[in-house]
């Protein structure tokens, strides 16, 4: 499930799993202390989930994909990538050149391999950020490029792929 900001991706992903009683909603965004706007976004997501769904706030997706269990709704890969890039200090040119790029590729390859081998039903949400303005900074362009790579690799393992535009889900694959 991919699309732009506020396009309805999360709502569509939730709708696709609404008939499953035991969904594990994996929130990768984390807390942002002192950010009332972010807290409001998180609250809105929590309030519209069915009471029977559980929530895990984590970016450690591989163990969840490797476990048997109820369907996973991962929201979202873009925030997972931000965390992964933070962990390898991808925003620093020297750290990136000294192995950060390889470390990030390894981490994303592990995630994609886990998607390939999972037996769980998985619905993942991600952002399409490469369709608009070219970021003015090296780090912004790096994030855009890495998200494009991650989205393409992840999508290659999926049976269905939807693009959500203006609240409308368009089938790309499936």
C-alpha atoms as a PDB file:
ATOM      1  CA  UNK A   1       0.000   0.000   0.000  1.00  0.00           C
ATOM      2  CA  UNK A   2       1.822   3.065  -1.198  1.00  0.00           C
ATOM      3  CA  UNK A   3       0.901   6.671  -1.844  1.00  0.00           C
ATOM      4  CA  UNK A   4       1.465  10.247  -0.860  1.00  0.00           C
ATOM      5  CA  UNK A   5       1.009  11.947   2.490  1.00  0.00           C
ATOM      6  CA  UNK A   6      -2.582  11.948   3.763  1.00  0.00           C
ATOM      7  CA  UNK A   7      -3.748   9.978   0.721  1.00  0.00           C
ATOM      8  CA  UNK A   8      -5.668   7.430   2.806  1.00  0.00           C
ATOM      9  CA  UNK A   9      -3.048   4.650   2.798  1.00  0.00           C
ATOM     10  CA  UNK A  10      -3.408   3.695   6.447  1.00  0.00           C
ATOM     11  CA  UNK A  11      -7.188   3.803   6.355  1.00  0.00           C
ATOM     12  CA  UNK A  12      -7.201   1.575   3.252  1.00  0.00           C
ATOM     13  CA  UNK A  13      -4.765  -0.875   4.882  1.00  0.00           C
ATOM     14  CA  UNK A  14      -6.948  -1.049   7.988  1.00  0.00           C
ATOM     15  CA  UNK A  15     -10.045  -1.569   5.838  1.00  0.00           C
ATOM     16  CA  UNK A  16      -8.355  -4.469   4.027  1.00  0.00           C
ATOM     17  CA  UNK A  17      -7.842  -6.293   7.339  1.00  0.00           C
ATOM     18  CA  UNK A  18     -11.083  -5.248   9.060  1.00  0.00           C
ATOM     19  CA  UNK A  19     -12.573  -8.773   8.959  1.00  0.00           C
ATOM     20  CA  UNK A  20      -9.570 -10.313  10.722  1.00  0.00           C
ATOM     21  CA  UNK A  21     -10.138 -10.250  14.499  1.00  0.00           C
ATOM     22  CA  UNK A  22      -6.558 -10.724  15.680  1.00  0.00           C
ATOM     23  CA  UNK A  23      -4.460  -8.286  13.663  1.00  0.00           C
ATOM     24  CA  UNK A  24      -1.144  -7.126  15.080  1.00  0.00           C
ATOM     25  CA  UNK A  25      -0.770  -3.457  14.144  1.00  0.00           C
ATOM     26  CA  UNK A  26       2.943  -2.667  13.973  1.00  0.00           C
ATOM     27  CA  UNK A  27       3.528   1.052  14.449  1.00  0.00           C
ATOM     28  CA  UNK A  28       7.051   2.035  13.432  1.00  0.00           C
ATOM     29  CA  UNK A  29       6.768   5.761  14.165  1.00  0.00           C
ATOM     30  CA  UNK A  30       7.579   5.794  17.841  1.00  0.00           C
ATOM     31  CA  UNK A  31       6.986   8.605  20.279  1.00  0.00           C
ATOM     32  CA  UNK A  32       8.009  12.221  19.708  1.00  0.00           C
ATOM     33  CA  UNK A  33       8.029  13.904  23.067  1.00  0.00           C
ATOM     34  CA  UNK A  34       6.582  17.388  23.024  1.00  0.00           C
ATOM     35  CA  UNK A  35       5.156  17.095  19.497  1.00  0.00           C
ATOM     36  CA  UNK A  36       1.402  17.607  19.942  1.00  0.00           C
ATOM     37  CA  UNK A  37       0.681  17.304  16.222  1.00  0.00           C
ATOM     38  CA  UNK A  38       2.412  13.904  16.066  1.00  0.00           C
ATOM     39  CA  UNK A  39       0.561  12.767  19.186  1.00  0.00           C
ATOM     40  CA  UNK A  40      -2.713  13.710  17.471  1.00  0.00           C
ATOM     41  CA  UNK A  41      -1.838  11.612  14.421  1.00  0.00           C
ATOM     42  CA  UNK A  42      -0.989   8.606  16.586  1.00  0.00           C
ATOM     43  CA  UNK A  43      -4.161   9.034  18.628  1.00  0.00           C
ATOM     44  CA  UNK A  44      -6.332   9.155  15.477  1.00  0.00           C
ATOM     45  CA  UNK A  45      -4.757   5.923  14.226  1.00  0.00           C
ATOM     46  CA  UNK A  46      -5.266   4.201  17.588  1.00  0.00           C
ATOM     47  CA  UNK A  47      -8.890   5.302  17.932  1.00  0.00           C
ATOM     48  CA  UNK A  48     -10.013   3.901  14.602  1.00  0.00           C
ATOM     49  CA  UNK A  49      -8.496   0.433  15.117  1.00  0.00           C
ATOM     50  CA  UNK A  50     -10.806  -2.394  16.171  1.00  0.00           C
ATOM     51  CA  UNK A  51     -10.578  -3.207  19.875  1.00  0.00           C
ATOM     52  CA  UNK A  52      -9.593  -6.800  19.050  1.00  0.00           C
ATOM     53  CA  UNK A  53      -6.370  -5.670  17.355  1.00  0.00           C
ATOM     54  CA  UNK A  54      -3.130  -5.500  19.293  1.00  0.00           C
ATOM     55  CA  UNK A  55      -0.432  -2.891  18.749  1.00  0.00           C
ATOM     56  CA  UNK A  56       3.336  -3.274  18.786  1.00  0.00           C
ATOM     57  CA  UNK A  57       5.412  -0.117  18.572  1.00  0.00           C
ATOM     58  CA  UNK A  58       8.671  -1.349  17.084  1.00  0.00           C
ATOM     59  CA  UNK A  59      10.994  -1.215  14.109  1.00  0.00           C
ATOM     60  CA  UNK A  60      12.210  -4.758  14.785  1.00  0.00           C
ATOM     61  CA  UNK A  61      10.121  -6.287  11.996  1.00  0.00           C
ATOM     62  CA  UNK A  62      12.140  -9.398  11.074  1.00  0.00           C
ATOM     63  CA  UNK A  63      11.218 -11.409  14.224  1.00  0.00           C
ATOM     64  CA  UNK A  64       7.550 -10.528  13.747  1.00  0.00           C
ATOM     65  CA  UNK A  65       7.650 -11.672  10.133  1.00  0.00           C
ATOM     66  CA  UNK A  66       9.451 -14.874  11.130  1.00  0.00           C
ATOM     67  CA  UNK A  67       6.871 -15.761  13.801  1.00  0.00           C
ATOM     68  CA  UNK A  68       3.624 -17.511  13.059  1.00  0.00           C
ATOM     69  CA  UNK A  69       0.603 -15.580  14.120  1.00  0.00           C
ATOM     70  CA  UNK A  70      -2.195 -13.282  13.121  1.00  0.00           C
ATOM     71  CA  UNK A  71      -1.984 -10.865  10.205  1.00  0.00           C
ATOM     72  CA  UNK A  72       0.453  -7.967  10.486  1.00  0.00           C
ATOM     73  CA  UNK A  73      -0.338  -4.425   9.468  1.00  0.00           C
ATOM     74  CA  UNK A  74       2.969  -2.557   9.246  1.00  0.00           C
ATOM     75  CA  UNK A  75       2.545   1.217   9.328  1.00  0.00           C
ATOM     76  CA  UNK A  76       4.870   2.309   7.914  1.00  0.00           C
ATOM     77  CA  UNK A  77       7.992   1.352   5.969  1.00  0.00           C
ATOM     78  CA  UNK A  78       8.987   4.996   5.534  1.00  0.00           C
ATOM     79  CA  UNK A  79       9.310   5.438   9.283  1.00  0.00           C
ATOM     80  CA  UNK A  80      11.049   2.052   9.538  1.00  0.00           C
ATOM     81  CA  UNK A  81      13.601   3.322   7.001  1.00  0.00           C
ATOM     82  CA  UNK A  82      14.124   6.544   8.950  1.00  0.00           C
ATOM     83  CA  UNK A  83      14.948   4.460  12.027  1.00  0.00           C
ATOM     84  CA  UNK A  84      17.235   2.167   9.997  1.00  0.00           C
ATOM     85  CA  UNK A  85      19.058   5.168   8.549  1.00  0.00           C
ATOM     86  CA  UNK A  86      19.407   6.701  12.021  1.00  0.00           C
ATOM     87  CA  UNK A  87      20.964   3.458  13.282  1.00  0.00           C
ATOM     88  CA  UNK A  88      23.683   3.497  10.598  1.00  0.00           C
ATOM     89  CA  UNK A  89      24.198   7.280  10.834  1.00  0.00           C
ATOM     90  CA  UNK A  90      23.215   7.614   7.177  1.00  0.00           C
ATOM     91  CA  UNK A  91      22.807  11.364   7.518  1.00  0.00           C
ATOM     92  CA  UNK A  92      26.551  11.841   8.002  1.00  0.00           C
ATOM     93  CA  UNK A  93      28.616  11.746   4.788  1.00  0.00           C
ATOM     94  CA  UNK A  94      31.686  10.207   6.422  1.00  0.00           C
ATOM     95  CA  UNK A  95      29.688   7.525   8.242  1.00  0.00           C
ATOM     96  CA  UNK A  96      27.751   6.744   5.050  1.00  0.00           C
ATOM     97  CA  UNK A  97      30.966   6.328   3.044  1.00  0.00           C
ATOM     98  CA  UNK A  98      32.653   4.329   5.830  1.00  0.00           C
ATOM     99  CA  UNK A  99      30.103   1.528   5.801  1.00  0.00           C
ATOM    100  CA  UNK A 100      26.750   3.085   6.555  1.00  0.00           C
ATOM    101  CA  UNK A 101      25.502   2.414   3.036  1.00  0.00           C
ATOM    102  CA  UNK A 102      26.483  -1.265   3.270  1.00  0.00           C
ATOM    103  CA  UNK A 103      24.948  -1.586   6.738  1.00  0.00           C
ATOM    104  CA  UNK A 104      21.679  -0.103   5.508  1.00  0.00           C
ATOM    105  CA  UNK A 105      21.600  -2.444   2.485  1.00  0.00           C
ATOM    106  CA  UNK A 106      22.153  -5.395   4.810  1.00  0.00           C
ATOM    107  CA  UNK A 107      19.317  -4.289   7.073  1.00  0.00           C
ATOM    108  CA  UNK A 108      16.891  -3.727   4.187  1.00  0.00           C
ATOM    109  CA  UNK A 109      17.924  -7.033   2.590  1.00  0.00           C
ATOM    110  CA  UNK A 110      17.128  -8.800   5.889  1.00  0.00           C
ATOM    111  CA  UNK A 111      13.694  -7.197   5.956  1.00  0.00           C
ATOM    112  CA  UNK A 112      12.922  -8.152   2.350  1.00  0.00           C
ATOM    113  CA  UNK A 113      14.122 -11.724   2.943  1.00  0.00           C
ATOM    114  CA  UNK A 114      11.827 -11.960   5.974  1.00  0.00           C
ATOM    115  CA  UNK A 115       8.889 -10.780   3.854  1.00  0.00           C
ATOM    116  CA  UNK A 116       9.765 -13.419   1.260  1.00  0.00           C
ATOM    117  CA  UNK A 117       9.714 -16.269   3.774  1.00  0.00           C
ATOM    118  CA  UNK A 118       6.852 -15.186   6.041  1.00  0.00           C
ATOM    119  CA  UNK A 119       3.735 -17.305   6.266  1.00  0.00           C
ATOM    120  CA  UNK A 120       1.705 -14.486   7.779  1.00  0.00           C
ATOM    121  CA  UNK A 121      -0.734 -12.249   6.001  1.00  0.00           C
ATOM    122  CA  UNK A 122       1.030  -8.885   5.788  1.00  0.00           C
ATOM    123  CA  UNK A 123      -0.292  -5.500   4.763  1.00  0.00           C
ATOM    124  CA  UNK A 124       2.366  -2.799   4.707  1.00  0.00           C
ATOM    125  CA  UNK A 125       2.001   0.949   4.297  1.00  0.00           C
ATOM    126  CA  UNK A 126       4.701   3.127   2.776  1.00  0.00           C
ATOM    127  CA  UNK A 127       5.102   6.558   1.218  1.00  0.00           C
ATOM    128  CA  UNK A 128       5.852   7.455  -2.371  1.00  0.00           C
ATOM    129  CA  UNK A 129       8.292  10.337  -2.034  1.00  0.00           C
ATOM    130  CA  UNK A 130      10.053  10.218  -5.396  1.00  0.00           C
ATOM    131  CA  UNK A 131       7.225  11.670  -7.466  1.00  0.00           C
ATOM    132  CA  UNK A 132       7.617  15.297  -6.515  1.00  0.00           C
ATOM    133  CA  UNK A 133      10.183  17.902  -5.718  1.00  0.00           C
ATOM    134  CA  UNK A 134      13.839  16.870  -5.716  1.00  0.00           C
ATOM    135  CA  UNK A 135      15.044  17.394  -2.144  1.00  0.00           C
ATOM    136  CA  UNK A 136      17.482  20.263  -1.716  1.00  0.00           C
ATOM    137  CA  UNK A 137      19.817  18.364   0.624  1.00  0.00           C
ATOM    138  CA  UNK A 138      22.029  15.327   0.184  1.00  0.00           C
ATOM    139  CA  UNK A 139      20.344  13.613   3.134  1.00  0.00           C
ATOM    140  CA  UNK A 140      16.898  14.308   1.685  1.00  0.00           C
ATOM    141  CA  UNK A 141      17.891  12.854  -1.686  1.00  0.00           C
ATOM    142  CA  UNK A 142      19.482   9.871   0.062  1.00  0.00           C
ATOM    143  CA  UNK A 143      16.271   9.154   1.963  1.00  0.00           C
ATOM    144  CA  UNK A 144      14.171   9.507  -1.191  1.00  0.00           C
ATOM    145  CA  UNK A 145      16.456   7.158  -3.114  1.00  0.00           C
ATOM    146  CA  UNK A 146      16.674   4.571  -0.326  1.00  0.00           C
ATOM    147  CA  UNK A 147      12.908   4.581   0.149  1.00  0.00           C
ATOM    148  CA  UNK A 148      12.452   4.036  -3.575  1.00  0.00           C
ATOM    149  CA  UNK A 149      14.824   1.050  -3.416  1.00  0.00           C
ATOM    150  CA  UNK A 150      13.124  -0.374  -0.326  1.00  0.00           C
ATOM    151  CA  UNK A 151       9.650   0.054  -1.804  1.00  0.00           C
ATOM    152  CA  UNK A 152      10.674  -1.677  -5.047  1.00  0.00           C
ATOM    153  CA  UNK A 153      12.333  -4.598  -3.228  1.00  0.00           C
ATOM    154  CA  UNK A 154       9.458  -5.009  -0.783  1.00  0.00           C
ATOM    155  CA  UNK A 155       6.849  -4.792  -3.553  1.00  0.00           C
ATOM    156  CA  UNK A 156       8.667  -7.489  -5.543  1.00  0.00           C
ATOM    157  CA  UNK A 157       7.746  -9.919  -2.739  1.00  0.00           C
ATOM    158  CA  UNK A 158       4.065  -8.965  -2.654  1.00  0.00           C
ATOM    159  CA  UNK A 159       1.038 -10.599  -4.232  1.00  0.00           C
ATOM    160  CA  UNK A 160      -0.928  -7.347  -4.323  1.00  0.00           C
ATOM    161  CA  UNK A 161       0.204  -3.745  -4.593  1.00  0.00           C
ATOM    162  CA  UNK A 162      -2.056  -0.727  -4.280  1.00  0.00           C
ATOM    163  CA  UNK A 163      -1.385   2.939  -4.906  1.00  0.00           C
ATOM    164  CA  UNK A 164      -3.658   5.214  -2.890  1.00  0.00           C
ATOM    165  CA  UNK A 165      -4.312   8.592  -4.466  1.00  0.00           C
ATOM    166  CA  UNK A 166      -6.876  11.049  -3.116  1.00  0.00           C
ATOM    167  CA  UNK A 167      -8.456   8.297  -1.045  1.00  0.00           C
ATOM    168  CA  UNK A 168      -8.810   5.957  -4.011  1.00  0.00           C
ATOM    169  CA  UNK A 169      -6.971   2.616  -4.132  1.00  0.00           C
ATOM    170  CA  UNK A 170      -5.583   1.796  -7.566  1.00  0.00           C
ATOM    171  CA  UNK A 171      -4.397  -1.753  -8.196  1.00  0.00           C
ATOM    172  CA  UNK A 172      -0.817  -1.914  -9.486  1.00  0.00           C
ATOM    173  CA  UNK A 173      -0.348  -5.652  -8.961  1.00  0.00           C
ATOM    174  CA  UNK A 174      -2.785  -8.383  -8.131  1.00  0.00           C
END
